[in-house]
């Protein structure tokens, strides 16, 4: 039960922003944590210069944060994709670093 409570404390929603290159990802991550009450979980190198920033928080905060992060990444011409998962399956945490 403690795991579920801890998960709720950092938020149920998951936000992802993928960029080409580190500069866009850093810009996006900075904008996201400044725009809303979200937790920056980390980032992952994908392939071919693509990197993904991962955040957690409540659904509204994650949506606001990813909107701000996407705008910031676009300003440096690096945005590839944005996605919000309102309530990710618990099993995702076993596979991906989303905690």
PDB file of N, CA and C in Angstrom:
ATOM      1  N   UNK A   1       0.807  -1.193   0.000  1.00  0.00           N
ATOM      2  CA  UNK A   1       0.000   0.000   0.000  1.00  0.00           C
ATOM      3  C   UNK A   1       0.854   1.262   0.000  1.00  0.00           C
ATOM      4  N   UNK A   2       2.024   1.211   0.599  1.00  0.00           N
ATOM      5  CA  UNK A   2       2.901   2.387   0.633  1.00  0.00           C
ATOM      6  C   UNK A   2       3.304   2.816  -0.772  1.00  0.00           C
ATOM      7  N   UNK A   3       3.529   1.838  -1.661  1.00  0.00           N
ATOM      8  CA  UNK A   3       3.909   2.182  -3.027  1.00  0.00           C
ATOM      9  C   UNK A   3       2.817   2.985  -3.720  1.00  0.00           C
ATOM     10  N   UNK A   4       1.554   2.582  -3.525  1.00  0.00           N
ATOM     11  CA  UNK A   4       0.459   3.313  -4.148  1.00  0.00           C
ATOM     12  C   UNK A   4       0.346   4.717  -3.583  1.00  0.00           C
ATOM     13  N   UNK A   5       0.522   4.881  -2.261  1.00  0.00           N
ATOM     14  CA  UNK A   5       0.465   6.211  -1.660  1.00  0.00           C
ATOM     15  C   UNK A   5       1.596   7.082  -2.193  1.00  0.00           C
ATOM     16  N   UNK A   6       2.806   6.513  -2.270  1.00  0.00           N
ATOM     17  CA  UNK A   6       3.946   7.281  -2.783  1.00  0.00           C
ATOM     18  C   UNK A   6       3.689   7.703  -4.221  1.00  0.00           C
ATOM     19  N   UNK A   7       3.122   6.812  -5.018  1.00  0.00           N
ATOM     20  CA  UNK A   7       2.820   7.143  -6.408  1.00  0.00           C
ATOM     21  C   UNK A   7       1.845   8.310  -6.476  1.00  0.00           C
ATOM     22  N   UNK A   8       0.821   8.293  -5.613  1.00  0.00           N
ATOM     23  CA  UNK A   8      -0.144   9.384  -5.606  1.00  0.00           C
ATOM     24  C   UNK A   8       0.507  10.693  -5.177  1.00  0.00           C
ATOM     25  N   UNK A   9       1.483  10.614  -4.285  1.00  0.00           N
ATOM     26  CA  UNK A   9       2.146  11.825  -3.820  1.00  0.00           C
ATOM     27  C   UNK A   9       2.875  12.550  -4.942  1.00  0.00           C
ATOM     28  N   UNK A  10       3.478  11.818  -5.884  1.00  0.00           N
ATOM     29  CA  UNK A  10       4.174  12.483  -6.981  1.00  0.00           C
ATOM     30  C   UNK A  10       3.256  12.701  -8.174  1.00  0.00           C
ATOM     31  N   UNK A  11       2.081  12.126  -8.139  1.00  0.00           N
ATOM     32  CA  UNK A  11       1.108  12.341  -9.195  1.00  0.00           C
ATOM     33  C   UNK A  11       0.899  11.121 -10.052  1.00  0.00           C
ATOM     34  N   UNK A  12      -0.317  11.017 -10.540  1.00  0.00           N
ATOM     35  CA  UNK A  12      -0.684   9.859 -11.336  1.00  0.00           C
ATOM     36  C   UNK A  12      -0.335  10.003 -12.804  1.00  0.00           C
ATOM     37  N   UNK A  13      -0.250  11.216 -13.316  1.00  0.00           N
ATOM     38  CA  UNK A  13      -0.024  11.411 -14.750  1.00  0.00           C
ATOM     39  C   UNK A  13       1.458  11.365 -15.098  1.00  0.00           C
ATOM     40  N   UNK A  14       1.708  10.988 -16.324  1.00  0.00           N
ATOM     41  CA  UNK A  14       3.063  10.896 -16.859  1.00  0.00           C
ATOM     42  C   UNK A  14       3.138  11.797 -18.086  1.00  0.00           C
ATOM     43  N   UNK A  15       4.171  12.622 -18.156  1.00  0.00           N
ATOM     44  CA  UNK A  15       4.361  13.501 -19.303  1.00  0.00           C
ATOM     45  C   UNK A  15       5.700  13.232 -19.964  1.00  0.00           C
ATOM     46  N   UNK A  16       5.708  13.199 -21.284  1.00  0.00           N
ATOM     47  CA  UNK A  16       6.918  12.914 -22.055  1.00  0.00           C
ATOM     48  C   UNK A  16       7.088  13.967 -23.144  1.00  0.00           C
ATOM     49  N   UNK A  17       8.297  14.478 -23.261  1.00  0.00           N
ATOM     50  CA  UNK A  17       8.636  15.367 -24.376  1.00  0.00           C
ATOM     51  C   UNK A  17       9.904  14.828 -25.010  1.00  0.00           C
ATOM     52  N   UNK A  18       9.811  14.571 -26.318  1.00  0.00           N
ATOM     53  CA  UNK A  18      10.973  14.064 -27.048  1.00  0.00           C
ATOM     54  C   UNK A  18      11.513  15.166 -27.950  1.00  0.00           C
ATOM     55  N   UNK A  19      12.835  15.313 -27.926  1.00  0.00           N
ATOM     56  CA  UNK A  19      13.487  16.346 -28.728  1.00  0.00           C
ATOM     57  C   UNK A  19      14.661  15.749 -29.492  1.00  0.00           C
ATOM     58  N   UNK A  20      15.091  16.495 -30.485  1.00  0.00           N
ATOM     59  CA  UNK A  20      16.310  16.114 -31.194  1.00  0.00           C
ATOM     60  C   UNK A  20      17.442  16.909 -30.557  1.00  0.00           C
ATOM     61  N   UNK A  21      18.286  16.228 -29.826  1.00  0.00           N
ATOM     62  CA  UNK A  21      19.415  16.875 -29.165  1.00  0.00           C
ATOM     63  C   UNK A  21      19.113  17.277 -27.735  1.00  0.00           C
ATOM     64  N   UNK A  22      20.182  17.446 -26.987  1.00  0.00           N
ATOM     65  CA  UNK A  22      20.090  17.744 -25.565  1.00  0.00           C
ATOM     66  C   UNK A  22      19.584  19.158 -25.279  1.00  0.00           C
ATOM     67  N   UNK A  23      19.925  20.119 -26.116  1.00  0.00           N
ATOM     68  CA  UNK A  23      19.537  21.509 -25.860  1.00  0.00           C
ATOM     69  C   UNK A  23      18.018  21.654 -25.774  1.00  0.00           C
ATOM     70  N   UNK A  24      17.311  21.088 -26.721  1.00  0.00           N
ATOM     71  CA  UNK A  24      15.851  21.166 -26.708  1.00  0.00           C
ATOM     72  C   UNK A  24      15.246  20.487 -25.496  1.00  0.00           C
ATOM     73  N   UNK A  25      15.806  19.343 -25.101  1.00  0.00           N
ATOM     74  CA  UNK A  25      15.296  18.625 -23.938  1.00  0.00           C
ATOM     75  C   UNK A  25      15.518  19.424 -22.661  1.00  0.00           C
ATOM     76  N   UNK A  26      16.691  20.038 -22.523  1.00  0.00           N
ATOM     77  CA  UNK A  26      16.973  20.848 -21.334  1.00  0.00           C
ATOM     78  C   UNK A  26      16.042  22.061 -21.293  1.00  0.00           C
ATOM     79  N   UNK A  27      15.835  22.712 -22.434  1.00  0.00           N
ATOM     80  CA  UNK A  27      14.892  23.838 -22.505  1.00  0.00           C
ATOM     81  C   UNK A  27      13.491  23.391 -22.093  1.00  0.00           C
ATOM     82  N   UNK A  28      13.056  22.250 -22.619  1.00  0.00           N
ATOM     83  CA  UNK A  28      11.723  21.736 -22.299  1.00  0.00           C
ATOM     84  C   UNK A  28      11.605  21.391 -20.819  1.00  0.00           C
ATOM     85  N   UNK A  29      12.595  20.697 -20.274  1.00  0.00           N
ATOM     86  CA  UNK A  29      12.560  20.302 -18.863  1.00  0.00           C
ATOM     87  C   UNK A  29      12.522  21.526 -17.955  1.00  0.00           C
ATOM     88  N   UNK A  30      13.326  22.517 -18.262  1.00  0.00           N
ATOM     89  CA  UNK A  30      13.357  23.745 -17.473  1.00  0.00           C
ATOM     90  C   UNK A  30      11.990  24.429 -17.488  1.00  0.00           C
ATOM     91  N   UNK A  31      11.402  24.539 -18.663  1.00  0.00           N
ATOM     92  CA  UNK A  31      10.090  25.180 -18.786  1.00  0.00           C
ATOM     93  C   UNK A  31       9.013  24.387 -18.053  1.00  0.00           C
ATOM     94  N   UNK A  32       9.072  23.059 -18.123  1.00  0.00           N
ATOM     95  CA  UNK A  32       8.048  22.235 -17.481  1.00  0.00           C
ATOM     96  C   UNK A  32       8.047  22.403 -15.967  1.00  0.00           C
ATOM     97  N   UNK A  33       9.221  22.328 -15.348  1.00  0.00           N
ATOM     98  CA  UNK A  33       9.250  22.417 -13.881  1.00  0.00           C
ATOM     99  C   UNK A  33       8.956  23.832 -13.386  1.00  0.00           C
ATOM    100  N   UNK A  34       9.178  24.828 -14.227  1.00  0.00           N
ATOM    101  CA  UNK A  34       8.848  26.206 -13.852  1.00  0.00           C
ATOM    102  C   UNK A  34       7.366  26.517 -14.056  1.00  0.00           C
ATOM    103  N   UNK A  35       6.718  25.817 -14.995  1.00  0.00           N
ATOM    104  CA  UNK A  35       5.340  26.138 -15.368  1.00  0.00           C
ATOM    105  C   UNK A  35       4.293  25.518 -14.457  1.00  0.00           C
ATOM    106  N   UNK A  36       4.610  24.406 -13.826  1.00  0.00           N
ATOM    107  CA  UNK A  36       3.586  23.691 -13.056  1.00  0.00           C
ATOM    108  C   UNK A  36       4.226  22.873 -11.941  1.00  0.00           C
ATOM    109  N   UNK A  37       3.383  22.414 -11.044  1.00  0.00           N
ATOM    110  CA  UNK A  37       3.840  21.606  -9.919  1.00  0.00           C
ATOM    111  C   UNK A  37       4.025  20.155 -10.377  1.00  0.00           C
ATOM    112  N   UNK A  38       5.165  19.892 -11.010  1.00  0.00           N
ATOM    113  CA  UNK A  38       5.487  18.552 -11.504  1.00  0.00           C
ATOM    114  C   UNK A  38       6.860  18.143 -10.991  1.00  0.00           C
ATOM    115  N   UNK A  39       7.121  16.843 -11.054  1.00  0.00           N
ATOM    116  CA  UNK A  39       8.416  16.294 -10.657  1.00  0.00           C
ATOM    117  C   UNK A  39       9.141  15.842 -11.918  1.00  0.00           C
ATOM    118  N   UNK A  40      10.350  16.318 -12.105  1.00  0.00           N
ATOM    119  CA  UNK A  40      11.179  15.854 -13.220  1.00  0.00           C
ATOM    120  C   UNK A  40      11.759  14.506 -12.814  1.00  0.00           C
ATOM    121  N   UNK A  41      11.315  13.449 -13.487  1.00  0.00           N
ATOM    122  CA  UNK A  41      11.739  12.093 -13.153  1.00  0.00           C
ATOM    123  C   UNK A  41      13.115  11.800 -13.727  1.00  0.00           C
ATOM    124  N   UNK A  42      13.367  12.300 -14.930  1.00  0.00           N
ATOM    125  CA  UNK A  42      14.652  12.059 -15.569  1.00  0.00           C
ATOM    126  C   UNK A  42      14.537  12.181 -17.073  1.00  0.00           C
ATOM    127  N   UNK A  43      15.560  11.693 -17.732  1.00  0.00           N
ATOM    128  CA  UNK A  43      15.569  11.741 -19.187  1.00  0.00           C
ATOM    129  C   UNK A  43      16.229  10.477 -19.715  1.00  0.00           C
ATOM    130  N   UNK A  44      15.911  10.158 -20.958  1.00  0.00           N
ATOM    131  CA  UNK A  44      16.446   8.966 -21.606  1.00  0.00           C
ATOM    132  C   UNK A  44      16.943   9.314 -22.997  1.00  0.00           C
ATOM    133  N   UNK A  45      18.109   8.801 -23.328  1.00  0.00           N
ATOM    134  CA  UNK A  45      18.595   8.893 -24.703  1.00  0.00           C
ATOM    135  C   UNK A  45      17.885   7.796 -25.476  1.00  0.00           C
ATOM    136  N   UNK A  46      17.266   8.169 -26.584  1.00  0.00           N
ATOM    137  CA  UNK A  46      16.509   7.195 -27.361  1.00  0.00           C
ATOM    138  C   UNK A  46      17.399   6.609 -28.450  1.00  0.00           C
ATOM    139  N   UNK A  47      17.669   7.370 -29.498  1.00  0.00           N
ATOM    140  CA  UNK A  47      18.521   6.924 -30.594  1.00  0.00           C
ATOM    141  C   UNK A  47      18.628   8.073 -31.586  1.00  0.00           C
ATOM    142  N   UNK A  48      19.653   8.047 -32.390  1.00  0.00           N
ATOM    143  CA  UNK A  48      19.833   9.027 -33.469  1.00  0.00           C
ATOM    144  C   UNK A  48      19.675  10.466 -32.984  1.00  0.00           C
ATOM    145  N   UNK A  49      20.208  10.750 -31.804  1.00  0.00           N
ATOM    146  CA  UNK A  49      20.152  12.107 -31.279  1.00  0.00           C
ATOM    147  C   UNK A  49      18.860  12.484 -30.588  1.00  0.00           C
ATOM    148  N   UNK A  50      17.937  11.541 -30.442  1.00  0.00           N
ATOM    149  CA  UNK A  50      16.672  11.833 -29.775  1.00  0.00           C
ATOM    150  C   UNK A  50      16.797  11.589 -28.274  1.00  0.00           C
ATOM    151  N   UNK A  51      16.230  12.495 -27.488  1.00  0.00           N
ATOM    152  CA  UNK A  51      16.192  12.347 -26.036  1.00  0.00           C
ATOM    153  C   UNK A  51      14.785  12.681 -25.546  1.00  0.00           C
ATOM    154  N   UNK A  52      14.388  12.050 -24.444  1.00  0.00           N
ATOM    155  CA  UNK A  52      13.053  12.237 -23.897  1.00  0.00           C
ATOM    156  C   UNK A  52      13.127  12.685 -22.449  1.00  0.00           C
ATOM    157  N   UNK A  53      12.419  13.752 -22.114  1.00  0.00           N
ATOM    158  CA  UNK A  53      12.278  14.222 -20.734  1.00  0.00           C
ATOM    159  C   UNK A  53      11.003  13.613 -20.162  1.00  0.00           C
ATOM    160  N   UNK A  54      11.067  13.166 -18.904  1.00  0.00           N
ATOM    161  CA  UNK A  54       9.942  12.491 -18.263  1.00  0.00           C
ATOM    162  C   UNK A  54       9.566  13.250 -16.992  1.00  0.00           C
ATOM    163  N   UNK A  55       8.264  13.561 -16.855  1.00  0.00           N
ATOM    164  CA  UNK A  55       7.771  14.231 -15.650  1.00  0.00           C
ATOM    165  C   UNK A  55       6.580  13.474 -15.085  1.00  0.00           C
ATOM    166  N   UNK A  56       6.277  13.726 -13.807  1.00  0.00           N
ATOM    167  CA  UNK A  56       5.088  13.172 -13.149  1.00  0.00           C
ATOM    168  C   UNK A  56       4.374  14.300 -12.419  1.00  0.00           C
ATOM    169  N   UNK A  57       3.096  14.137 -12.219  1.00  0.00           N
ATOM    170  CA  UNK A  57       2.297  15.097 -11.474  1.00  0.00           C
ATOM    171  C   UNK A  57       0.823  14.804 -11.677  1.00  0.00           C
ATOM    172  N   UNK A  58      -0.034  15.679 -11.162  1.00  0.00           N
ATOM    173  CA  UNK A  58      -1.454  15.481 -11.422  1.00  0.00           C
ATOM    174  C   UNK A  58      -1.718  15.819 -12.894  1.00  0.00           C
ATOM    175  N   UNK A  59      -2.837  15.341 -13.396  1.00  0.00           N
ATOM    176  CA  UNK A  59      -3.124  15.444 -14.828  1.00  0.00           C
ATOM    177  C   UNK A  59      -3.072  16.889 -15.327  1.00  0.00           C
ATOM    178  N   UNK A  60      -3.716  17.803 -14.635  1.00  0.00           N
ATOM    179  CA  UNK A  60      -3.734  19.200 -15.067  1.00  0.00           C
ATOM    180  C   UNK A  60      -2.355  19.830 -15.080  1.00  0.00           C
ATOM    181  N   UNK A  61      -1.566  19.530 -14.050  1.00  0.00           N
ATOM    182  CA  UNK A  61      -0.210  20.085 -13.975  1.00  0.00           C
ATOM    183  C   UNK A  61       0.684  19.529 -15.071  1.00  0.00           C
ATOM    184  N   UNK A  62       0.566  18.232 -15.335  1.00  0.00           N
ATOM    185  CA  UNK A  62       1.386  17.619 -16.384  1.00  0.00           C
ATOM    186  C   UNK A  62       1.004  18.176 -17.747  1.00  0.00           C
ATOM    187  N   UNK A  63      -0.286  18.375 -17.984  1.00  0.00           N
ATOM    188  CA  UNK A  63      -0.725  18.952 -19.263  1.00  0.00           C
ATOM    189  C   UNK A  63      -0.175  20.367 -19.426  1.00  0.00           C
ATOM    190  N   UNK A  64      -0.291  21.186 -18.379  1.00  0.00           N
ATOM    191  CA  UNK A  64       0.235  22.556 -18.442  1.00  0.00           C
ATOM    192  C   UNK A  64       1.748  22.550 -18.639  1.00  0.00           C
ATOM    193  N   UNK A  65       2.422  21.657 -17.941  1.00  0.00           N
ATOM    194  CA  UNK A  65       3.882  21.584 -18.038  1.00  0.00           C
ATOM    195  C   UNK A  65       4.334  21.146 -19.422  1.00  0.00           C
ATOM    196  N   UNK A  66       3.678  20.134 -19.995  1.00  0.00           N
ATOM    197  CA  UNK A  66       4.094  19.673 -21.324  1.00  0.00           C
ATOM    198  C   UNK A  66       3.785  20.717 -22.396  1.00  0.00           C
ATOM    199  N   UNK A  67       2.707  21.472 -22.221  1.00  0.00           N
ATOM    200  CA  UNK A  67       2.432  22.575 -23.155  1.00  0.00           C
ATOM    201  C   UNK A  67       3.570  23.594 -23.118  1.00  0.00           C
ATOM    202  N   UNK A  68       3.986  23.962 -21.912  1.00  0.00           N
ATOM    203  CA  UNK A  68       5.087  24.928 -21.763  1.00  0.00           C
ATOM    204  C   UNK A  68       6.402  24.350 -22.279  1.00  0.00           C
ATOM    205  N   UNK A  69       6.650  23.088 -21.983  1.00  0.00           N
ATOM    206  CA  UNK A  69       7.881  22.444 -22.439  1.00  0.00           C
ATOM    207  C   UNK A  69       7.944  22.319 -23.951  1.00  0.00           C
ATOM    208  N   UNK A  70       6.807  21.992 -24.561  1.00  0.00           N
ATOM    209  CA  UNK A  70       6.758  21.884 -26.022  1.00  0.00           C
ATOM    210  C   UNK A  70       7.042  23.236 -26.671  1.00  0.00           C
ATOM    211  N   UNK A  71       6.454  24.295 -26.120  1.00  0.00           N
ATOM    212  CA  UNK A  71       6.695  25.638 -26.665  1.00  0.00           C
ATOM    213  C   UNK A  71       8.169  26.011 -26.548  1.00  0.00           C
ATOM    214  N   UNK A  72       8.778  25.678 -25.416  1.00  0.00           N
ATOM    215  CA  UNK A  72      10.200  25.989 -25.215  1.00  0.00           C
ATOM    216  C   UNK A  72      11.078  25.216 -26.194  1.00  0.00           C
ATOM    217  N   UNK A  73      10.775  23.941 -26.396  1.00  0.00           N
ATOM    218  CA  UNK A  73      11.560  23.135 -27.333  1.00  0.00           C
ATOM    219  C   UNK A  73      11.391  23.640 -28.766  1.00  0.00           C
ATOM    220  N   UNK A  74      10.172  24.039 -29.122  1.00  0.00           N
ATOM    221  CA  UNK A  74       9.923  24.587 -30.467  1.00  0.00           C
ATOM    222  C   UNK A  74      10.748  25.847 -30.715  1.00  0.00           C
ATOM    223  N   UNK A  75      10.923  26.667 -29.685  1.00  0.00           N
ATOM    224  CA  UNK A  75      11.682  27.911 -29.846  1.00  0.00           C
ATOM    225  C   UNK A  75      13.123  27.652 -30.266  1.00  0.00           C
ATOM    226  N   UNK A  76      13.667  26.501 -29.876  1.00  0.00           N
ATOM    227  CA  UNK A  76      15.032  26.175 -30.302  1.00  0.00           C
ATOM    228  C   UNK A  76      15.016  25.169 -31.453  1.00  0.00           C
ATOM    229  N   UNK A  77      13.820  24.882 -31.993  1.00  0.00           N
ATOM    230  CA  UNK A  77      13.683  24.042 -33.171  1.00  0.00           C
ATOM    231  C   UNK A  77      13.977  22.575 -32.962  1.00  0.00           C
ATOM    232  N   UNK A  78      13.691  22.069 -31.777  1.00  0.00           N
ATOM    233  CA  UNK A  78      14.107  20.716 -31.447  1.00  0.00           C
ATOM    234  C   UNK A  78      12.962  19.748 -31.131  1.00  0.00           C
ATOM    235  N   UNK A  79      11.706  20.167 -31.119  1.00  0.00           N
ATOM    236  CA  UNK A  79      10.601  19.318 -30.675  1.00  0.00           C
ATOM    237  C   UNK A  79      10.312  18.191 -31.668  1.00  0.00           C
ATOM    238  N   UNK A  80      10.207  16.966 -31.144  1.00  0.00           N
ATOM    239  CA  UNK A  80       9.843  15.807 -31.954  1.00  0.00           C
ATOM    240  C   UNK A  80       8.450  15.316 -31.573  1.00  0.00           C
ATOM    241  N   UNK A  81       8.159  15.225 -30.272  1.00  0.00           N
ATOM    242  CA  UNK A  81       6.852  14.738 -29.844  1.00  0.00           C
ATOM    243  C   UNK A  81       6.551  15.068 -28.397  1.00  0.00           C
ATOM    244  N   UNK A  82       5.247  15.091 -28.094  1.00  0.00           N
ATOM    245  CA  UNK A  82       4.757  15.367 -26.740  1.00  0.00           C
ATOM    246  C   UNK A  82       3.636  14.385 -26.454  1.00  0.00           C
ATOM    247  N   UNK A  83       3.623  13.836 -25.235  1.00  0.00           N
ATOM    248  CA  UNK A  83       2.537  12.920 -24.891  1.00  0.00           C
ATOM    249  C   UNK A  83       2.272  12.960 -23.395  1.00  0.00           C
ATOM    250  N   UNK A  84       0.995  12.928 -23.035  1.00  0.00           N
ATOM    251  CA  UNK A  84       0.575  12.844 -21.635  1.00  0.00           C
ATOM    252  C   UNK A  84      -0.222  11.559 -21.465  1.00  0.00           C
ATOM    253  N   UNK A  85       0.147  10.768 -20.465  1.00  0.00           N
ATOM    254  CA  UNK A  85      -0.605   9.568 -20.109  1.00  0.00           C
ATOM    255  C   UNK A  85      -1.247   9.860 -18.755  1.00  0.00           C
ATOM    256  N   UNK A  86      -2.577  10.049 -18.717  1.00  0.00           N
ATOM    257  CA  UNK A  86      -3.230  10.462 -17.481  1.00  0.00           C
ATOM    258  C   UNK A  86      -3.051   9.490 -16.311  1.00  0.00           C
ATOM    259  N   UNK A  87      -3.177   8.218 -16.547  1.00  0.00           N
ATOM    260  CA  UNK A  87      -3.048   7.224 -15.476  1.00  0.00           C
ATOM    261  C   UNK A  87      -2.312   6.003 -16.028  1.00  0.00           C
ATOM    262  N   UNK A  88      -0.978   6.057 -16.084  1.00  0.00           N
ATOM    263  CA  UNK A  88      -0.236   4.932 -16.660  1.00  0.00           C
ATOM    264  C   UNK A  88      -0.404   3.658 -15.833  1.00  0.00           C
ATOM    265  N   UNK A  89      -0.348   2.543 -16.510  1.00  0.00           N
ATOM    266  CA  UNK A  89      -0.443   1.248 -15.831  1.00  0.00           C
ATOM    267  C   UNK A  89       0.719   1.079 -14.861  1.00  0.00           C
ATOM    268  N   UNK A  90       0.451   0.481 -13.716  1.00  0.00           N
ATOM    269  CA  UNK A  90       1.488   0.266 -12.704  1.00  0.00           C
ATOM    270  C   UNK A  90       2.661  -0.544 -13.245  1.00  0.00           C
ATOM    271  N   UNK A  91       2.398  -1.460 -14.161  1.00  0.00           N
ATOM    272  CA  UNK A  91       3.461  -2.308 -14.708  1.00  0.00           C
ATOM    273  C   UNK A  91       4.503  -1.517 -15.495  1.00  0.00           C
ATOM    274  N   UNK A  92       4.148  -0.349 -15.994  1.00  0.00           N
ATOM    275  CA  UNK A  92       5.122   0.464 -16.728  1.00  0.00           C
ATOM    276  C   UNK A  92       6.324   0.816 -15.862  1.00  0.00           C
ATOM    277  N   UNK A  93       6.087   1.003 -14.564  1.00  0.00           N
ATOM    278  CA  UNK A  93       7.174   1.373 -13.657  1.00  0.00           C
ATOM    279  C   UNK A  93       8.207   0.265 -13.504  1.00  0.00           C
ATOM    280  N   UNK A  94       7.820  -0.960 -13.794  1.00  0.00           N
ATOM    281  CA  UNK A  94       8.763  -2.080 -13.719  1.00  0.00           C
ATOM    282  C   UNK A  94       9.704  -2.094 -14.922  1.00  0.00           C
ATOM    283  N   UNK A  95       9.261  -1.496 -16.023  1.00  0.00           N
ATOM    284  CA  UNK A  95      10.014  -1.543 -17.271  1.00  0.00           C
ATOM    285  C   UNK A  95      10.743  -0.238 -17.561  1.00  0.00           C
ATOM    286  N   UNK A  96      10.061   0.880 -17.320  1.00  0.00           N
ATOM    287  CA  UNK A  96      10.597   2.188 -17.671  1.00  0.00           C
ATOM    288  C   UNK A  96      10.917   3.007 -16.421  1.00  0.00           C
ATOM    289  N   UNK A  97      11.883   3.906 -16.510  1.00  0.00           N
ATOM    290  CA  UNK A  97      12.242   4.756 -15.364  1.00  0.00           C
ATOM    291  C   UNK A  97      11.289   5.941 -15.222  1.00  0.00           C
ATOM    292  N   UNK A  98      10.060   5.674 -14.760  1.00  0.00           N
ATOM    293  CA  UNK A  98       9.058   6.738 -14.700  1.00  0.00           C
ATOM    294  C   UNK A  98       8.678   7.085 -13.271  1.00  0.00           C
ATOM    295  N   UNK A  99       9.484   6.778 -12.324  1.00  0.00           N
ATOM    296  CA  UNK A  99       9.175   7.017 -10.913  1.00  0.00           C
ATOM    297  C   UNK A  99       9.915   8.180 -10.375  1.00  0.00           C
TER     298      UNK A  99
END
